[in-house]
Amino acid sequence: MVSIDEEGYVYFVDRIGDSFRYKGENVSTCQVQDVISQFESVVEVMVFGVPIPDVDGKPGMAVIVARDQSTFPVAELLQQ
């Protein structure tokens, strides 16, 4: 669940679990967040499972706040 404050900032209010299941595997949101957080350019990160119609389980999604979006190392992150 998310909440929006009077300044327009969006916050996660409650997490319904610290893991999600995708393709028969349990994935820890905390472990994924820890890997992404190791990048110096990451200010904040939130990982969660997202339901997709006709897909077994919930693929993971990461919301990343970067210091500088123009220099964020997307290719390096995808190699992790």
PDB file of N, CA and C in Angstrom:
ATOM      1  N   MET A   1       0.840  -1.161   0.000  1.00  0.00           N
ATOM      2  CA  MET A   1       0.000   0.000   0.000  1.00  0.00           C
ATOM      3  C   MET A   1       0.896   1.238   0.000  1.00  0.00           C
ATOM      4  N   VAL A   2       0.501   2.236  -0.741  1.00  0.00           N
ATOM      5  CA  VAL A   2       1.264   3.477  -0.794  1.00  0.00           C
ATOM      6  C   VAL A   2       0.420   4.634  -0.285  1.00  0.00           C
ATOM      7  N   SER A   3       1.117   5.672   0.158  1.00  0.00           N
ATOM      8  CA  SER A   3       0.460   6.878   0.639  1.00  0.00           C
ATOM      9  C   SER A   3       1.166   8.074   0.008  1.00  0.00           C
ATOM     10  N   ILE A   4       0.422   9.111  -0.289  1.00  0.00           N
ATOM     11  CA  ILE A   4       0.989  10.331  -0.865  1.00  0.00           C
ATOM     12  C   ILE A   4       0.778  11.457   0.134  1.00  0.00           C
ATOM     13  N   ASP A   5       1.883  12.147   0.489  1.00  0.00           N
ATOM     14  CA  ASP A   5       1.753  13.237   1.454  1.00  0.00           C
ATOM     15  C   ASP A   5       1.354  14.536   0.756  1.00  0.00           C
ATOM     16  N   GLU A   6       1.207  15.619   1.538  1.00  0.00           N
ATOM     17  CA  GLU A   6       0.733  16.891   1.009  1.00  0.00           C
ATOM     18  C   GLU A   6       1.699  17.528   0.013  1.00  0.00           C
ATOM     19  N   GLU A   7       2.972  17.098   0.029  1.00  0.00           N
ATOM     20  CA  GLU A   7       3.961  17.626  -0.915  1.00  0.00           C
ATOM     21  C   GLU A   7       4.089  16.755  -2.163  1.00  0.00           C
ATOM     22  N   GLY A   8       3.320  15.687  -2.233  1.00  0.00           N
ATOM     23  CA  GLY A   8       3.345  14.827  -3.402  1.00  0.00           C
ATOM     24  C   GLY A   8       4.323  13.668  -3.320  1.00  0.00           C
ATOM     25  N   TYR A   9       4.984  13.472  -2.162  1.00  0.00           N
ATOM     26  CA  TYR A   9       5.900  12.341  -2.001  1.00  0.00           C
ATOM     27  C   TYR A   9       5.100  11.066  -1.766  1.00  0.00           C
ATOM     28  N   VAL A  10       5.557   9.975  -2.385  1.00  0.00           N
ATOM     29  CA  VAL A  10       4.883   8.690  -2.261  1.00  0.00           C
ATOM     30  C   VAL A  10       5.677   7.808  -1.304  1.00  0.00           C
ATOM     31  N   TYR A  11       4.985   7.162  -0.366  1.00  0.00           N
ATOM     32  CA  TYR A  11       5.619   6.305   0.631  1.00  0.00           C
ATOM     33  C   TYR A  11       4.948   4.941   0.656  1.00  0.00           C
ATOM     34  N   PHE A  12       5.745   3.900   0.883  1.00  0.00           N
ATOM     35  CA  PHE A  12       5.185   2.581   1.133  1.00  0.00           C
ATOM     36  C   PHE A  12       4.763   2.551   2.593  1.00  0.00           C
ATOM     37  N   VAL A  13       3.499   2.219   2.849  1.00  0.00           N
ATOM     38  CA  VAL A  13       2.974   2.238   4.204  1.00  0.00           C
ATOM     39  C   VAL A  13       3.092   0.867   4.854  1.00  0.00           C
ATOM     40  N   ASP A  14       2.812  -0.175   4.120  1.00  0.00           N
ATOM     41  CA  ASP A  14       2.814  -1.505   4.688  1.00  0.00           C
ATOM     42  C   ASP A  14       3.344  -2.482   3.651  1.00  0.00           C
ATOM     43  N   ARG A  15       4.184  -3.387   4.111  1.00  0.00           N
ATOM     44  CA  ARG A  15       4.687  -4.420   3.205  1.00  0.00           C
ATOM     45  C   ARG A  15       4.015  -5.723   3.570  1.00  0.00           C
ATOM     46  N   ILE A  16       3.463  -6.399   2.589  1.00  0.00           N
ATOM     47  CA  ILE A  16       2.715  -7.631   2.835  1.00  0.00           C
ATOM     48  C   ILE A  16       3.650  -8.833   2.827  1.00  0.00           C
ATOM     49  N   GLY A  17       4.886  -8.655   2.895  1.00  0.00           N
ATOM     50  CA  GLY A  17       5.813  -9.764   2.903  1.00  0.00           C
ATOM     51  C   GLY A  17       7.184  -9.298   2.485  1.00  0.00           C
ATOM     52  N   ASP A  18       8.170 -10.004   2.951  1.00  0.00           N
ATOM     53  CA  ASP A  18       9.540  -9.648   2.613  1.00  0.00           C
ATOM     54  C   ASP A  18      10.098 -10.565   1.537  1.00  0.00           C
ATOM     55  N   SER A  19       9.211 -11.263   0.842  1.00  0.00           N
ATOM     56  CA  SER A  19       9.658 -12.116  -0.263  1.00  0.00           C
ATOM     57  C   SER A  19       8.530 -12.224  -1.285  1.00  0.00           C
ATOM     58  N   PHE A  20       8.915 -12.666  -2.472  1.00  0.00           N
ATOM     59  CA  PHE A  20       7.921 -12.951  -3.498  1.00  0.00           C
ATOM     60  C   PHE A  20       8.325 -14.233  -4.184  1.00  0.00           C
ATOM     61  N   ARG A  21       7.401 -14.885  -4.821  1.00  0.00           N
ATOM     62  CA  ARG A  21       7.669 -16.167  -5.478  1.00  0.00           C
ATOM     63  C   ARG A  21       7.553 -15.982  -6.980  1.00  0.00           C
ATOM     64  N   TYR A  22       8.609 -16.402  -7.690  1.00  0.00           N
ATOM     65  CA  TYR A  22       8.612 -16.283  -9.141  1.00  0.00           C
ATOM     66  C   TYR A  22       9.266 -17.514  -9.745  1.00  0.00           C
ATOM     67  N   LYS A  23       8.573 -18.137 -10.688  1.00  0.00           N
ATOM     68  CA  LYS A  23       9.041 -19.349 -11.366  1.00  0.00           C
ATOM     69  C   LYS A  23       9.487 -20.417 -10.361  1.00  0.00           C
ATOM     70  N   GLY A  24       8.685 -20.579  -9.310  1.00  0.00           N
ATOM     71  CA  GLY A  24       8.956 -21.625  -8.329  1.00  0.00           C
ATOM     72  C   GLY A  24      10.033 -21.298  -7.310  1.00  0.00           C
ATOM     73  N   GLU A  25      10.570 -20.105  -7.336  1.00  0.00           N
ATOM     74  CA  GLU A  25      11.636 -19.710  -6.412  1.00  0.00           C
ATOM     75  C   GLU A  25      11.151 -18.596  -5.491  1.00  0.00           C
ATOM     76  N   ASN A  26      11.488 -18.705  -4.220  1.00  0.00           N
ATOM     77  CA  ASN A  26      11.227 -17.613  -3.292  1.00  0.00           C
ATOM     78  C   ASN A  26      12.374 -16.623  -3.393  1.00  0.00           C
ATOM     79  N   VAL A  27      12.047 -15.362  -3.538  1.00  0.00           N
ATOM     80  CA  VAL A  27      13.055 -14.312  -3.683  1.00  0.00           C
ATOM     81  C   VAL A  27      12.922 -13.354  -2.504  1.00  0.00           C
ATOM     82  N   SER A  28      14.020 -13.107  -1.817  1.00  0.00           N
ATOM     83  CA  SER A  28      14.025 -12.192  -0.686  1.00  0.00           C
ATOM     84  C   SER A  28      14.170 -10.754  -1.179  1.00  0.00           C
ATOM     85  N   THR A  29      13.192  -9.925  -0.851  1.00  0.00           N
ATOM     86  CA  THR A  29      13.272  -8.527  -1.262  1.00  0.00           C
ATOM     87  C   THR A  29      14.469  -7.843  -0.601  1.00  0.00           C
ATOM     88  N   CYS A  30      14.760  -8.222   0.637  1.00  0.00           N
ATOM     89  CA  CYS A  30      15.882  -7.608   1.359  1.00  0.00           C
ATOM     90  C   CYS A  30      17.218  -7.928   0.701  1.00  0.00           C
ATOM     91  N   GLN A  31      17.395  -9.156   0.241  1.00  0.00           N
ATOM     92  CA  GLN A  31      18.654  -9.526  -0.413  1.00  0.00           C
ATOM     93  C   GLN A  31      18.830  -8.766  -1.726  1.00  0.00           C
ATOM     94  N   VAL A  32      17.762  -8.631  -2.491  1.00  0.00           N
ATOM     95  CA  VAL A  32      17.848  -7.889  -3.751  1.00  0.00           C
ATOM     96  C   VAL A  32      18.148  -6.422  -3.461  1.00  0.00           C
ATOM     97  N   GLN A  33      17.477  -5.851  -2.471  1.00  0.00           N
ATOM     98  CA  GLN A  33      17.726  -4.461  -2.084  1.00  0.00           C
ATOM     99  C   GLN A  33      19.172  -4.268  -1.649  1.00  0.00           C
ATOM    100  N   ASP A  34      19.726  -5.224  -0.895  1.00  0.00           N
ATOM    101  CA  ASP A  34      21.114  -5.120  -0.438  1.00  0.00           C
ATOM    102  C   ASP A  34      22.093  -5.059  -1.608  1.00  0.00           C
ATOM    103  N   VAL A  35      21.864  -5.875  -2.631  1.00  0.00           N
ATOM    104  CA  VAL A  35      22.742  -5.876  -3.809  1.00  0.00           C
ATOM    105  C   VAL A  35      22.664  -4.536  -4.530  1.00  0.00           C
ATOM    106  N   ILE A  36      21.452  -4.053  -4.748  1.00  0.00           N
ATOM    107  CA  ILE A  36      21.280  -2.781  -5.459  1.00  0.00           C
ATOM    108  C   ILE A  36      21.834  -1.620  -4.646  1.00  0.00           C
ATOM    109  N   SER A  37      21.679  -1.671  -3.329  1.00  0.00           N
ATOM    110  CA  SER A  37      22.143  -0.589  -2.454  1.00  0.00           C
ATOM    111  C   SER A  37      23.665  -0.438  -2.448  1.00  0.00           C
ATOM    112  N   GLN A  38      24.383  -1.451  -2.897  1.00  0.00           N
ATOM    113  CA  GLN A  38      25.849  -1.386  -2.914  1.00  0.00           C
ATOM    114  C   GLN A  38      26.379  -0.389  -3.952  1.00  0.00           C
ATOM    115  N   PHE A  39      25.547  -0.021  -4.898  1.00  0.00           N
ATOM    116  CA  PHE A  39      25.976   0.961  -5.899  1.00  0.00           C
ATOM    117  C   PHE A  39      26.001   2.349  -5.253  1.00  0.00           C
ATOM    118  N   GLU A  40      27.122   3.040  -5.393  1.00  0.00           N
ATOM    119  CA  GLU A  40      27.280   4.357  -4.781  1.00  0.00           C
ATOM    120  C   GLU A  40      26.239   5.361  -5.256  1.00  0.00           C
ATOM    121  N   SER A  41      25.758   5.185  -6.461  1.00  0.00           N
ATOM    122  CA  SER A  41      24.809   6.146  -7.026  1.00  0.00           C
ATOM    123  C   SER A  41      23.373   5.934  -6.550  1.00  0.00           C
ATOM    124  N   VAL A  42      23.130   4.896  -5.737  1.00  0.00           N
ATOM    125  CA  VAL A  42      21.787   4.618  -5.242  1.00  0.00           C
ATOM    126  C   VAL A  42      21.558   5.336  -3.913  1.00  0.00           C
ATOM    127  N   VAL A  43      20.510   6.148  -3.865  1.00  0.00           N
ATOM    128  CA  VAL A  43      20.128   6.842  -2.634  1.00  0.00           C
ATOM    129  C   VAL A  43      19.149   5.986  -1.842  1.00  0.00           C
ATOM    130  N   GLU A  44      18.128   5.458  -2.517  1.00  0.00           N
ATOM    131  CA  GLU A  44      17.123   4.596  -1.901  1.00  0.00           C
ATOM    132  C   GLU A  44      16.695   3.533  -2.898  1.00  0.00           C
ATOM    133  N   VAL A  45      16.272   2.388  -2.363  1.00  0.00           N
ATOM    134  CA  VAL A  45      15.743   1.329  -3.225  1.00  0.00           C
ATOM    135  C   VAL A  45      14.655   0.574  -2.472  1.00  0.00           C
ATOM    136  N   MET A  46      13.631   0.164  -3.204  1.00  0.00           N
ATOM    137  CA  MET A  46      12.541  -0.651  -2.662  1.00  0.00           C
ATOM    138  C   MET A  46      12.266  -1.744  -3.684  1.00  0.00           C
ATOM    139  N   VAL A  47      12.195  -2.998  -3.223  1.00  0.00           N
ATOM    140  CA  VAL A  47      11.952  -4.134  -4.109  1.00  0.00           C
ATOM    141  C   VAL A  47      10.675  -4.830  -3.652  1.00  0.00           C
ATOM    142  N   PHE A  48       9.862  -5.250  -4.619  1.00  0.00           N
ATOM    143  CA  PHE A  48       8.607  -5.921  -4.299  1.00  0.00           C
ATOM    144  C   PHE A  48       8.176  -6.768  -5.486  1.00  0.00           C
ATOM    145  N   GLY A  49       7.296  -7.726  -5.238  1.00  0.00           N
ATOM    146  CA  GLY A  49       6.747  -8.555  -6.302  1.00  0.00           C
ATOM    147  C   GLY A  49       5.536  -7.885  -6.917  1.00  0.00           C
ATOM    148  N   VAL A  50       5.379  -8.036  -8.222  1.00  0.00           N
ATOM    149  CA  VAL A  50       4.285  -7.396  -8.953  1.00  0.00           C
ATOM    150  C   VAL A  50       3.471  -8.467  -9.676  1.00  0.00           C
ATOM    151  N   PRO A  51       2.176  -8.539  -9.399  1.00  0.00           N
ATOM    152  CA  PRO A  51       1.362  -9.527 -10.112  1.00  0.00           C
ATOM    153  C   PRO A  51       1.168  -9.133 -11.574  1.00  0.00           C
ATOM    154  N   ILE A  52       1.304 -10.114 -12.450  1.00  0.00           N
ATOM    155  CA  ILE A  52       1.083  -9.904 -13.878  1.00  0.00           C
ATOM    156  C   ILE A  52       0.084 -10.967 -14.332  1.00  0.00           C
ATOM    157  N   PRO A  53      -0.958 -10.569 -15.041  1.00  0.00           N
ATOM    158  CA  PRO A  53      -1.965 -11.538 -15.484  1.00  0.00           C
ATOM    159  C   PRO A  53      -1.339 -12.694 -16.272  1.00  0.00           C
ATOM    160  N   ASP A  54      -1.811 -13.901 -15.998  1.00  0.00           N
ATOM    161  CA  ASP A  54      -1.386 -15.119 -16.692  1.00  0.00           C
ATOM    162  C   ASP A  54       0.076 -15.468 -16.469  1.00  0.00           C
ATOM    163  N   VAL A  55       0.691 -14.968 -15.401  1.00  0.00           N
ATOM    164  CA  VAL A  55       2.078 -15.309 -15.066  1.00  0.00           C
ATOM    165  C   VAL A  55       2.066 -15.981 -13.699  1.00  0.00           C
ATOM    166  N   ASP A  56       2.766 -17.107 -13.589  1.00  0.00           N
ATOM    167  CA  ASP A  56       2.854 -17.814 -12.322  1.00  0.00           C
ATOM    168  C   ASP A  56       3.806 -17.068 -11.390  1.00  0.00           C
ATOM    169  N   GLY A  57       3.324 -16.646 -10.264  1.00  0.00           N
ATOM    170  CA  GLY A  57       4.151 -15.913  -9.312  1.00  0.00           C
ATOM    171  C   GLY A  57       4.130 -14.422  -9.595  1.00  0.00           C
ATOM    172  N   LYS A  58       5.072 -13.740  -8.969  1.00  0.00           N
ATOM    173  CA  LYS A  58       5.171 -12.287  -9.127  1.00  0.00           C
ATOM    174  C   LYS A  58       6.613 -11.918  -9.468  1.00  0.00           C
ATOM    175  N   PRO A  59       6.863 -11.439 -10.672  1.00  0.00           N
ATOM    176  CA  PRO A  59       8.209 -10.961 -10.994  1.00  0.00           C
ATOM    177  C   PRO A  59       8.561  -9.785 -10.080  1.00  0.00           C
ATOM    178  N   GLY A  60       9.836  -9.606  -9.832  1.00  0.00           N
ATOM    179  CA  GLY A  60      10.269  -8.524  -8.955  1.00  0.00           C
ATOM    180  C   GLY A  60      10.387  -7.194  -9.679  1.00  0.00           C
ATOM    181  N   MET A  61      10.150  -6.135  -8.925  1.00  0.00           N
ATOM    182  CA  MET A  61      10.316  -4.780  -9.437  1.00  0.00           C
ATOM    183  C   MET A  61      11.131  -4.006  -8.412  1.00  0.00           C
ATOM    184  N   ALA A  62      12.028  -3.180  -8.901  1.00  0.00           N
ATOM    185  CA  ALA A  62      12.822  -2.327  -8.010  1.00  0.00           C
ATOM    186  C   ALA A  62      12.557  -0.870  -8.354  1.00  0.00           C
ATOM    187  N   VAL A  63      12.279  -0.090  -7.329  1.00  0.00           N
ATOM    188  CA  VAL A  63      12.151   1.353  -7.481  1.00  0.00           C
ATOM    189  C   VAL A  63      13.441   1.931  -6.918  1.00  0.00           C
ATOM    190  N   ILE A  64      14.182   2.654  -7.754  1.00  0.00           N
ATOM    191  CA  ILE A  64      15.498   3.160  -7.376  1.00  0.00           C
ATOM    192  C   ILE A  64      15.513   4.672  -7.453  1.00  0.00           C
ATOM    193  N   VAL A  65      15.995   5.292  -6.392  1.00  0.00           N
ATOM    194  CA  VAL A  65      16.242   6.729  -6.399  1.00  0.00           C
ATOM    195  C   VAL A  65      17.755   6.890  -6.552  1.00  0.00           C
ATOM    196  N   ALA A  66      18.168   7.487  -7.657  1.00  0.00           N
ATOM    197  CA  ALA A  66      19.592   7.639  -7.963  1.00  0.00           C
ATOM    198  C   ALA A  66      20.051   9.072  -7.695  1.00  0.00           C
ATOM    199  N   ARG A  67      21.330   9.200  -7.352  1.00  0.00           N
ATOM    200  CA  ARG A  67      21.901  10.542  -7.149  1.00  0.00           C
ATOM    201  C   ARG A  67      21.853  11.343  -8.448  1.00  0.00           C
ATOM    202  N   ASP A  68      22.217  10.674  -9.548  1.00  0.00           N
ATOM    203  CA  ASP A  68      22.242  11.335 -10.851  1.00  0.00           C
ATOM    204  C   ASP A  68      21.760  10.335 -11.896  1.00  0.00           C
ATOM    205  N   GLN A  69      20.572  10.548 -12.394  1.00  0.00           N
ATOM    206  CA  GLN A  69      19.988   9.612 -13.346  1.00  0.00           C
ATOM    207  C   GLN A  69      20.783   9.511 -14.638  1.00  0.00           C
ATOM    208  N   SER A  70      21.463  10.580 -15.019  1.00  0.00           N
ATOM    209  CA  SER A  70      22.188  10.571 -16.295  1.00  0.00           C
ATOM    210  C   SER A  70      23.429   9.689 -16.258  1.00  0.00           C
ATOM    211  N   THR A  71      23.948   9.379 -15.058  1.00  0.00           N
ATOM    212  CA  THR A  71      25.154   8.550 -14.973  1.00  0.00           C
ATOM    213  C   THR A  71      24.907   7.240 -14.239  1.00  0.00           C
ATOM    214  N   PHE A  72      23.643   6.878 -14.005  1.00  0.00           N
ATOM    215  CA  PHE A  72      23.337   5.646 -13.276  1.00  0.00           C
ATOM    216  C   PHE A  72      23.794   4.441 -14.099  1.00  0.00           C
ATOM    217  N   PRO A  73      24.568   3.507 -13.500  1.00  0.00           N
ATOM    218  CA  PRO A  73      25.147   2.375 -14.243  1.00  0.00           C
ATOM    219  C   PRO A  73      24.153   1.224 -14.456  1.00  0.00           C
ATOM    220  N   VAL A  74      23.177   1.431 -15.323  1.00  0.00           N
ATOM    221  CA  VAL A  74      22.145   0.418 -15.555  1.00  0.00           C
ATOM    222  C   VAL A  74      22.757  -0.889 -16.060  1.00  0.00           C
ATOM    223  N   ALA A  75      23.656  -0.829 -17.005  1.00  0.00           N
ATOM    224  CA  ALA A  75      24.269  -2.048 -17.558  1.00  0.00           C
ATOM    225  C   ALA A  75      25.010  -2.828 -16.472  1.00  0.00           C
ATOM    226  N   GLU A  76      25.706  -2.131 -15.608  1.00  0.00           N
ATOM    227  CA  GLU A  76      26.430  -2.790 -14.512  1.00  0.00           C
ATOM    228  C   GLU A  76      25.452  -3.426 -13.532  1.00  0.00           C
ATOM    229  N   LEU A  77      24.367  -2.761 -13.230  1.00  0.00           N
ATOM    230  CA  LEU A  77      23.360  -3.303 -12.330  1.00  0.00           C
ATOM    231  C   LEU A  77      22.744  -4.581 -12.907  1.00  0.00           C
ATOM    232  N   LEU A  78      22.464  -4.588 -14.201  1.00  0.00           N
ATOM    233  CA  LEU A  78      21.855  -5.762 -14.833  1.00  0.00           C
ATOM    234  C   LEU A  78      22.778  -6.969 -14.818  1.00  0.00           C
ATOM    235  N   GLN A  79      24.067  -6.785 -14.694  1.00  0.00           N
ATOM    236  CA  GLN A  79      25.029  -7.894 -14.645  1.00  0.00           C
ATOM    237  C   GLN A  79      25.023  -8.575 -13.281  1.00  0.00           C
ATOM    238  N   GLN A  80      24.496  -7.902 -12.269  1.00  0.00           N
ATOM    239  CA  GLN A  80      24.456  -8.467 -10.926  1.00  0.00           C
ATOM    240  C   GLN A  80      23.411  -9.544 -10.890  1.00  0.00           C
TER     241      GLN A  80
END
